[in-house]
């Protein structure tokens, strides 16, 4: 990949290349903290439900 292409993408959003990388990492960190904070709020049986049983049928289709 041409480094100029990366700079062009970063400039298109008004952020530097570092900002393009750190903002999603910061968001992921915030989402993980929310997950840790709210984990204790789920009580049985919702704390151990396999999400696949709600999302997919017997053939594996949504």
N, C-alpha and C. Protein backbone atom coordinates (compact mmCIF):
# COMPACT_ATOMS: atom_id res chain seq x y z
N UNK A 1 0.85 -1.17 0.00
CA UNK A 1 0.00 0.00 0.00
C UNK A 1 0.89 1.24 0.00
N UNK A 2 0.53 2.18 -0.77
CA UNK A 2 1.27 3.43 -0.88
C UNK A 2 1.00 4.29 0.35
N UNK A 3 2.06 4.74 1.05
CA UNK A 3 1.84 5.59 2.24
C UNK A 3 1.00 6.82 1.95
N UNK A 4 1.07 7.33 0.74
CA UNK A 4 0.26 8.51 0.38
C UNK A 4 -1.23 8.19 0.42
N UNK A 5 -1.60 6.95 0.10
CA UNK A 5 -3.00 6.55 0.18
C UNK A 5 -3.49 6.62 1.62
N UNK A 6 -2.66 6.18 2.56
CA UNK A 6 -3.04 6.23 3.98
C UNK A 6 -3.23 7.67 4.43
N UNK A 7 -2.32 8.54 4.03
CA UNK A 7 -2.44 9.95 4.42
C UNK A 7 -3.69 10.58 3.81
N UNK A 8 -4.01 10.18 2.59
CA UNK A 8 -5.20 10.71 1.93
C UNK A 8 -6.45 10.31 2.70
N UNK A 9 -6.54 9.06 3.13
CA UNK A 9 -7.70 8.59 3.90
C UNK A 9 -7.81 9.35 5.22
N UNK A 10 -6.70 9.54 5.90
CA UNK A 10 -6.73 10.25 7.17
C UNK A 10 -7.12 11.70 6.97
N UNK A 11 -6.61 12.32 5.93
CA UNK A 11 -6.94 13.72 5.67
C UNK A 11 -8.40 13.89 5.27
N UNK A 12 -8.99 12.89 4.65
CA UNK A 12 -10.39 12.98 4.22
C UNK A 12 -11.33 13.10 5.42
N UNK A 13 -10.93 12.54 6.56
CA UNK A 13 -11.77 12.61 7.76
C UNK A 13 -11.37 13.76 8.67
N UNK A 14 -10.29 14.44 8.35
CA UNK A 14 -9.84 15.55 9.18
C UNK A 14 -9.00 15.11 10.36
N UNK A 15 -8.64 13.84 10.43
CA UNK A 15 -7.82 13.34 11.51
C UNK A 15 -6.47 12.90 10.95
N UNK A 16 -5.49 12.88 11.80
CA UNK A 16 -4.21 12.32 11.42
C UNK A 16 -4.29 10.81 11.45
N UNK A 17 -3.26 10.17 10.96
CA UNK A 17 -3.23 8.71 10.94
C UNK A 17 -3.32 8.13 12.34
N UNK A 18 -2.66 8.77 13.30
CA UNK A 18 -2.72 8.30 14.69
C UNK A 18 -4.15 8.39 15.23
N UNK A 19 -4.84 9.47 14.93
CA UNK A 19 -6.22 9.63 15.39
C UNK A 19 -7.15 8.59 14.79
N UNK A 20 -6.89 8.21 13.56
CA UNK A 20 -7.70 7.19 12.90
C UNK A 20 -7.56 5.84 13.59
N UNK A 21 -6.43 5.61 14.22
CA UNK A 21 -6.19 4.33 14.88
C UNK A 21 -6.61 4.37 16.35
N UNK A 22 -6.32 5.46 17.04
CA UNK A 22 -6.58 5.51 18.48
C UNK A 22 -8.06 5.67 18.81
N UNK A 23 -8.83 6.33 17.97
CA UNK A 23 -10.25 6.54 18.27
C UNK A 23 -11.00 5.21 18.32
N UNK A 24 -10.88 4.30 17.34
CA UNK A 24 -11.57 3.01 17.46
C UNK A 24 -11.06 2.17 18.63
N UNK A 25 -9.77 2.25 18.93
CA UNK A 25 -9.23 1.51 20.06
C UNK A 25 -9.81 2.03 21.37
N UNK A 26 -9.96 3.33 21.47
CA UNK A 26 -10.56 3.94 22.66
C UNK A 26 -12.02 3.52 22.79
N UNK A 27 -12.73 3.48 21.67
CA UNK A 27 -14.14 3.08 21.70
C UNK A 27 -14.27 1.62 22.13
N UNK A 28 -13.39 0.77 21.63
CA UNK A 28 -13.43 -0.65 22.01
C UNK A 28 -13.17 -0.79 23.50
N UNK A 29 -12.25 -0.02 24.02
CA UNK A 29 -11.95 -0.07 25.45
C UNK A 29 -13.16 0.37 26.27
N UNK A 30 -13.84 1.42 25.83
CA UNK A 30 -15.04 1.90 26.53
C UNK A 30 -16.16 0.85 26.49
N UNK A 31 -16.34 0.19 25.36
CA UNK A 31 -17.37 -0.84 25.25
C UNK A 31 -17.06 -2.04 26.15
N UNK A 32 -15.79 -2.41 26.23
CA UNK A 32 -15.41 -3.52 27.12
C UNK A 32 -15.66 -3.15 28.58
N UNK A 33 -15.42 -1.90 28.95
CA UNK A 33 -15.69 -1.46 30.32
C UNK A 33 -17.19 -1.51 30.62
N UNK A 34 -18.01 -1.12 29.67
CA UNK A 34 -19.46 -1.21 29.84
C UNK A 34 -19.88 -2.66 30.03
N UNK A 35 -19.30 -3.56 29.25
CA UNK A 35 -19.62 -4.99 29.37
C UNK A 35 -19.23 -5.51 30.74
N UNK A 36 -18.04 -5.14 31.23
CA UNK A 36 -17.62 -5.58 32.56
C UNK A 36 -18.53 -5.02 33.65
N UNK A 37 -18.91 -3.76 33.52
CA UNK A 37 -19.75 -3.13 34.52
C UNK A 37 -21.16 -3.72 34.56
N UNK A 38 -21.67 -4.12 33.43
CA UNK A 38 -23.05 -4.60 33.37
C UNK A 38 -23.17 -6.12 33.50
N UNK A 39 -22.08 -6.84 33.48
CA UNK A 39 -22.13 -8.30 33.53
C UNK A 39 -22.86 -8.81 34.77
N UNK A 40 -22.67 -8.15 35.88
CA UNK A 40 -23.31 -8.59 37.12
C UNK A 40 -24.80 -8.35 37.16
N UNK A 41 -25.33 -7.59 36.24
CA UNK A 41 -26.76 -7.30 36.22
C UNK A 41 -27.59 -8.44 35.65
N UNK A 42 -26.96 -9.34 34.91
CA UNK A 42 -27.68 -10.44 34.28
C UNK A 42 -27.82 -11.59 35.27
N UNK A 43 -29.04 -11.97 35.52
CA UNK A 43 -29.33 -13.04 36.48
C UNK A 43 -29.73 -14.31 35.73
N UNK A 44 -29.66 -15.43 36.43
CA UNK A 44 -30.03 -16.72 35.86
C UNK A 44 -31.48 -16.67 35.39
N UNK A 45 -31.84 -17.16 34.25
CA UNK A 45 -31.06 -17.97 33.31
C UNK A 45 -30.36 -17.15 32.23
N UNK A 46 -30.49 -15.83 32.28
CA UNK A 46 -29.96 -14.99 31.21
C UNK A 46 -28.44 -14.87 31.22
N UNK A 47 -27.81 -15.27 32.28
CA UNK A 47 -26.36 -15.16 32.36
C UNK A 47 -25.64 -16.28 31.61
N UNK A 48 -26.38 -17.34 31.21
CA UNK A 48 -25.73 -18.46 30.55
C UNK A 48 -26.47 -18.91 29.29
N UNK A 49 -27.18 -18.02 28.64
CA UNK A 49 -27.92 -18.37 27.44
C UNK A 49 -26.99 -18.38 26.24
N UNK A 50 -27.12 -19.40 25.42
CA UNK A 50 -26.38 -19.47 24.17
C UNK A 50 -27.10 -18.60 23.15
N UNK A 51 -26.47 -17.51 22.73
CA UNK A 51 -27.13 -16.57 21.83
C UNK A 51 -27.57 -17.24 20.53
N UNK A 52 -26.89 -18.30 20.13
CA UNK A 52 -27.24 -18.98 18.89
C UNK A 52 -28.64 -19.58 18.92
N UNK A 53 -29.13 -19.96 20.10
CA UNK A 53 -30.48 -20.53 20.18
C UNK A 53 -31.54 -19.48 19.88
N UNK A 54 -31.23 -18.23 20.12
CA UNK A 54 -32.18 -17.16 19.82
C UNK A 54 -32.04 -16.66 18.40
N UNK A 55 -30.83 -16.70 17.86
CA UNK A 55 -30.58 -16.09 16.56
C UNK A 55 -30.74 -17.02 15.38
N UNK A 56 -30.59 -18.33 15.58
CA UNK A 56 -30.56 -19.27 14.46
C UNK A 56 -31.53 -20.42 14.68
N UNK A 57 -32.11 -20.92 13.58
CA UNK A 57 -33.01 -22.05 13.68
C UNK A 57 -32.20 -23.36 13.62
N UNK A 58 -32.91 -24.49 13.53
CA UNK A 58 -32.25 -25.80 13.52
C UNK A 58 -31.32 -25.99 12.33
N UNK A 59 -31.55 -25.24 11.25
CA UNK A 59 -30.70 -25.35 10.06
C UNK A 59 -29.56 -24.34 10.08
N UNK A 60 -29.45 -23.58 11.14
CA UNK A 60 -28.39 -22.59 11.23
C UNK A 60 -28.69 -21.31 10.49
N UNK A 61 -29.97 -21.08 10.17
CA UNK A 61 -30.36 -19.89 9.46
C UNK A 61 -30.98 -18.87 10.40
N UNK A 62 -30.80 -17.58 10.12
CA UNK A 62 -31.38 -16.55 11.00
C UNK A 62 -32.89 -16.52 10.92
